[in-house]
């Protein structure tokens, strides 16, 4: 690969990685996946210098942290939703009402 092609290739990798990071900040997980898929295609036939690998790795760690935070937020919301649902079921049984069939949450679970 010529020097100018190598520079363009490296810049493309950096751009895709930054776009993945920006998409992760916005919670656009499909876009994150698309950026990493394109980056993988760029990496298939070309060796990467260790310095570039370290730079990209730092960005990747930030994306990973955002993914972990999103998962934790979702888990917290699911726990809270489950508690609210249990409270509502308790109110219904206290009032003598039966639950009206499976809820959307039951269908998704």
C-alpha atoms as a PDB file:
ATOM      1  CA  UNK A   1       0.000   0.000   0.000  1.00  0.00           C
ATOM      2  CA  UNK A   2       1.402   3.404  -0.932  1.00  0.00           C
ATOM      3  CA  UNK A   3       2.037   6.013   1.752  1.00  0.00           C
ATOM      4  CA  UNK A   4      -0.906   8.184   0.622  1.00  0.00           C
ATOM      5  CA  UNK A   5      -3.215   5.147   0.541  1.00  0.00           C
ATOM      6  CA  UNK A   6      -2.012   4.168   4.009  1.00  0.00           C
ATOM      7  CA  UNK A   7      -2.831   7.641   5.319  1.00  0.00           C
ATOM      8  CA  UNK A   8      -6.330   7.519   3.810  1.00  0.00           C
ATOM      9  CA  UNK A   9      -6.835   3.984   5.151  1.00  0.00           C
ATOM     10  CA  UNK A  10      -5.774   5.032   8.649  1.00  0.00           C
ATOM     11  CA  UNK A  11      -7.995   8.115   8.539  1.00  0.00           C
ATOM     12  CA  UNK A  12     -10.951   5.963   7.455  1.00  0.00           C
ATOM     13  CA  UNK A  13     -10.386   3.685  10.459  1.00  0.00           C
ATOM     14  CA  UNK A  14     -10.195   6.649  12.814  1.00  0.00           C
ATOM     15  CA  UNK A  15     -13.317   8.221  11.285  1.00  0.00           C
ATOM     16  CA  UNK A  16     -15.331   5.005  11.564  1.00  0.00           C
ATOM     17  CA  UNK A  17     -14.221   4.572  15.160  1.00  0.00           C
ATOM     18  CA  UNK A  18     -15.149   8.159  16.056  1.00  0.00           C
ATOM     19  CA  UNK A  19     -18.517   7.762  14.327  1.00  0.00           C
ATOM     20  CA  UNK A  20     -19.136   4.613  16.364  1.00  0.00           C
ATOM     21  CA  UNK A  21     -18.344   6.572  19.525  1.00  0.00           C
ATOM     22  CA  UNK A  22     -20.690   9.398  18.581  1.00  0.00           C
ATOM     23  CA  UNK A  23     -23.458   6.947  17.712  1.00  0.00           C
ATOM     24  CA  UNK A  24     -22.950   5.197  21.059  1.00  0.00           C
ATOM     25  CA  UNK A  25     -23.323   8.538  22.867  1.00  0.00           C
ATOM     26  CA  UNK A  26     -26.685   8.946  21.159  1.00  0.00           C
ATOM     27  CA  UNK A  27     -27.768   5.353  21.793  1.00  0.00           C
ATOM     28  CA  UNK A  28     -27.848   4.572  18.067  1.00  0.00           C
ATOM     29  CA  UNK A  29     -26.680   0.997  18.485  1.00  0.00           C
ATOM     30  CA  UNK A  30     -27.430  -0.088  14.905  1.00  0.00           C
ATOM     31  CA  UNK A  31     -25.140   2.695  13.693  1.00  0.00           C
ATOM     32  CA  UNK A  32     -22.429   1.601  16.138  1.00  0.00           C
ATOM     33  CA  UNK A  33     -22.648  -1.921  14.758  1.00  0.00           C
ATOM     34  CA  UNK A  34     -22.504  -0.654  11.159  1.00  0.00           C
ATOM     35  CA  UNK A  35     -19.388   1.427  11.871  1.00  0.00           C
ATOM     36  CA  UNK A  36     -17.598  -1.518  13.431  1.00  0.00           C
ATOM     37  CA  UNK A  37     -18.615  -3.794  10.548  1.00  0.00           C
ATOM     38  CA  UNK A  38     -17.136  -1.329   8.049  1.00  0.00           C
ATOM     39  CA  UNK A  39     -14.004  -0.978  10.151  1.00  0.00           C
ATOM     40  CA  UNK A  40     -13.642  -4.753  10.206  1.00  0.00           C
ATOM     41  CA  UNK A  41     -13.812  -4.816   6.404  1.00  0.00           C
ATOM     42  CA  UNK A  42     -11.029  -2.227   6.243  1.00  0.00           C
ATOM     43  CA  UNK A  43      -8.885  -4.347   8.551  1.00  0.00           C
ATOM     44  CA  UNK A  44      -9.241  -7.674   6.741  1.00  0.00           C
ATOM     45  CA  UNK A  45      -6.274  -7.421   4.396  1.00  0.00           C
ATOM     46  CA  UNK A  46      -4.064  -4.826   6.042  1.00  0.00           C
ATOM     47  CA  UNK A  47      -1.792  -5.003   9.068  1.00  0.00           C
ATOM     48  CA  UNK A  48      -2.246  -2.261  11.638  1.00  0.00           C
ATOM     49  CA  UNK A  49       0.572  -0.401  13.353  1.00  0.00           C
ATOM     50  CA  UNK A  50       0.622  -0.804  17.150  1.00  0.00           C
ATOM     51  CA  UNK A  51       0.232   2.960  17.712  1.00  0.00           C
ATOM     52  CA  UNK A  52      -2.955   3.026  15.630  1.00  0.00           C
ATOM     53  CA  UNK A  53      -4.236  -0.071  17.410  1.00  0.00           C
ATOM     54  CA  UNK A  54      -3.722   1.652  20.768  1.00  0.00           C
ATOM     55  CA  UNK A  55      -5.523   4.812  19.604  1.00  0.00           C
ATOM     56  CA  UNK A  56      -8.495   2.843  18.313  1.00  0.00           C
ATOM     57  CA  UNK A  57      -8.521   0.721  21.452  1.00  0.00           C
ATOM     58  CA  UNK A  58      -8.982   3.817  23.622  1.00  0.00           C
ATOM     59  CA  UNK A  59     -12.049   4.799  21.585  1.00  0.00           C
ATOM     60  CA  UNK A  60     -13.320   1.222  21.681  1.00  0.00           C
ATOM     61  CA  UNK A  61     -13.092   1.215  25.478  1.00  0.00           C
ATOM     62  CA  UNK A  62     -15.227   4.354  25.616  1.00  0.00           C
ATOM     63  CA  UNK A  63     -17.850   2.684  23.396  1.00  0.00           C
ATOM     64  CA  UNK A  64     -17.728  -0.408  25.602  1.00  0.00           C
ATOM     65  CA  UNK A  65     -18.311   1.755  28.681  1.00  0.00           C
ATOM     66  CA  UNK A  66     -21.341   3.349  27.020  1.00  0.00           C
ATOM     67  CA  UNK A  67     -22.733  -0.089  26.185  1.00  0.00           C
ATOM     68  CA  UNK A  68     -22.284  -1.239  29.790  1.00  0.00           C
ATOM     69  CA  UNK A  69     -23.978   1.933  31.071  1.00  0.00           C
ATOM     70  CA  UNK A  70     -26.893   1.467  28.665  1.00  0.00           C
ATOM     71  CA  UNK A  71     -27.341  -2.141  29.785  1.00  0.00           C
ATOM     72  CA  UNK A  72     -27.310  -1.103  33.431  1.00  0.00           C
ATOM     73  CA  UNK A  73     -29.881   1.618  32.763  1.00  0.00           C
ATOM     74  CA  UNK A  74     -32.135  -0.851  30.963  1.00  0.00           C
ATOM     75  CA  UNK A  75     -31.785  -3.403  33.767  1.00  0.00           C
ATOM     76  CA  UNK A  76     -32.675  -0.734  36.321  1.00  0.00           C
ATOM     77  CA  UNK A  77     -35.739   0.281  34.324  1.00  0.00           C
ATOM     78  CA  UNK A  78     -36.846  -3.339  34.004  1.00  0.00           C
ATOM     79  CA  UNK A  79     -36.500  -3.858  37.753  1.00  0.00           C
ATOM     80  CA  UNK A  80     -38.508  -0.705  38.470  1.00  0.00           C
ATOM     81  CA  UNK A  81     -41.163  -1.716  35.937  1.00  0.00           C
ATOM     82  CA  UNK A  82     -41.406  -5.149  37.533  1.00  0.00           C
ATOM     83  CA  UNK A  83     -41.864  -3.597  40.984  1.00  0.00           C
ATOM     84  CA  UNK A  84     -44.606  -1.291  39.707  1.00  0.00           C
ATOM     85  CA  UNK A  85     -46.316  -4.213  37.998  1.00  0.00           C
ATOM     86  CA  UNK A  86     -46.220  -6.267  41.192  1.00  0.00           C
ATOM     87  CA  UNK A  87     -47.704  -3.344  43.129  1.00  0.00           C
ATOM     88  CA  UNK A  88     -50.495  -2.996  40.568  1.00  0.00           C
ATOM     89  CA  UNK A  89     -51.225  -6.710  40.770  1.00  0.00           C
ATOM     90  CA  UNK A  90     -51.455  -6.357  44.546  1.00  0.00           C
ATOM     91  CA  UNK A  91     -53.911  -3.482  44.204  1.00  0.00           C
ATOM     92  CA  UNK A  92     -56.007  -5.460  41.726  1.00  0.00           C
ATOM     93  CA  UNK A  93     -56.141  -8.504  43.993  1.00  0.00           C
ATOM     94  CA  UNK A  94     -56.972  -6.287  46.972  1.00  0.00           C
ATOM     95  CA  UNK A  95     -59.874  -4.827  44.977  1.00  0.00           C
ATOM     96  CA  UNK A  96     -60.976  -8.296  43.913  1.00  0.00           C
ATOM     97  CA  UNK A  97     -60.118  -7.791  40.251  1.00  0.00           C
ATOM     98  CA  UNK A  98     -58.301 -10.413  38.281  1.00  0.00           C
ATOM     99  CA  UNK A  99     -55.571  -9.605  35.838  1.00  0.00           C
ATOM    100  CA  UNK A 100     -56.832  -9.240  32.281  1.00  0.00           C
ATOM    101  CA  UNK A 101     -54.673 -11.785  30.466  1.00  0.00           C
ATOM    102  CA  UNK A 102     -51.006 -11.614  29.573  1.00  0.00           C
ATOM    103  CA  UNK A 103     -49.492  -8.155  29.378  1.00  0.00           C
ATOM    104  CA  UNK A 104     -47.048  -6.934  26.763  1.00  0.00           C
ATOM    105  CA  UNK A 105     -44.257  -7.367  29.308  1.00  0.00           C
ATOM    106  CA  UNK A 106     -45.208 -11.025  29.770  1.00  0.00           C
ATOM    107  CA  UNK A 107     -45.223 -11.544  26.017  1.00  0.00           C
ATOM    108  CA  UNK A 108     -41.755  -9.997  25.661  1.00  0.00           C
ATOM    109  CA  UNK A 109     -40.277 -11.988  28.555  1.00  0.00           C
END
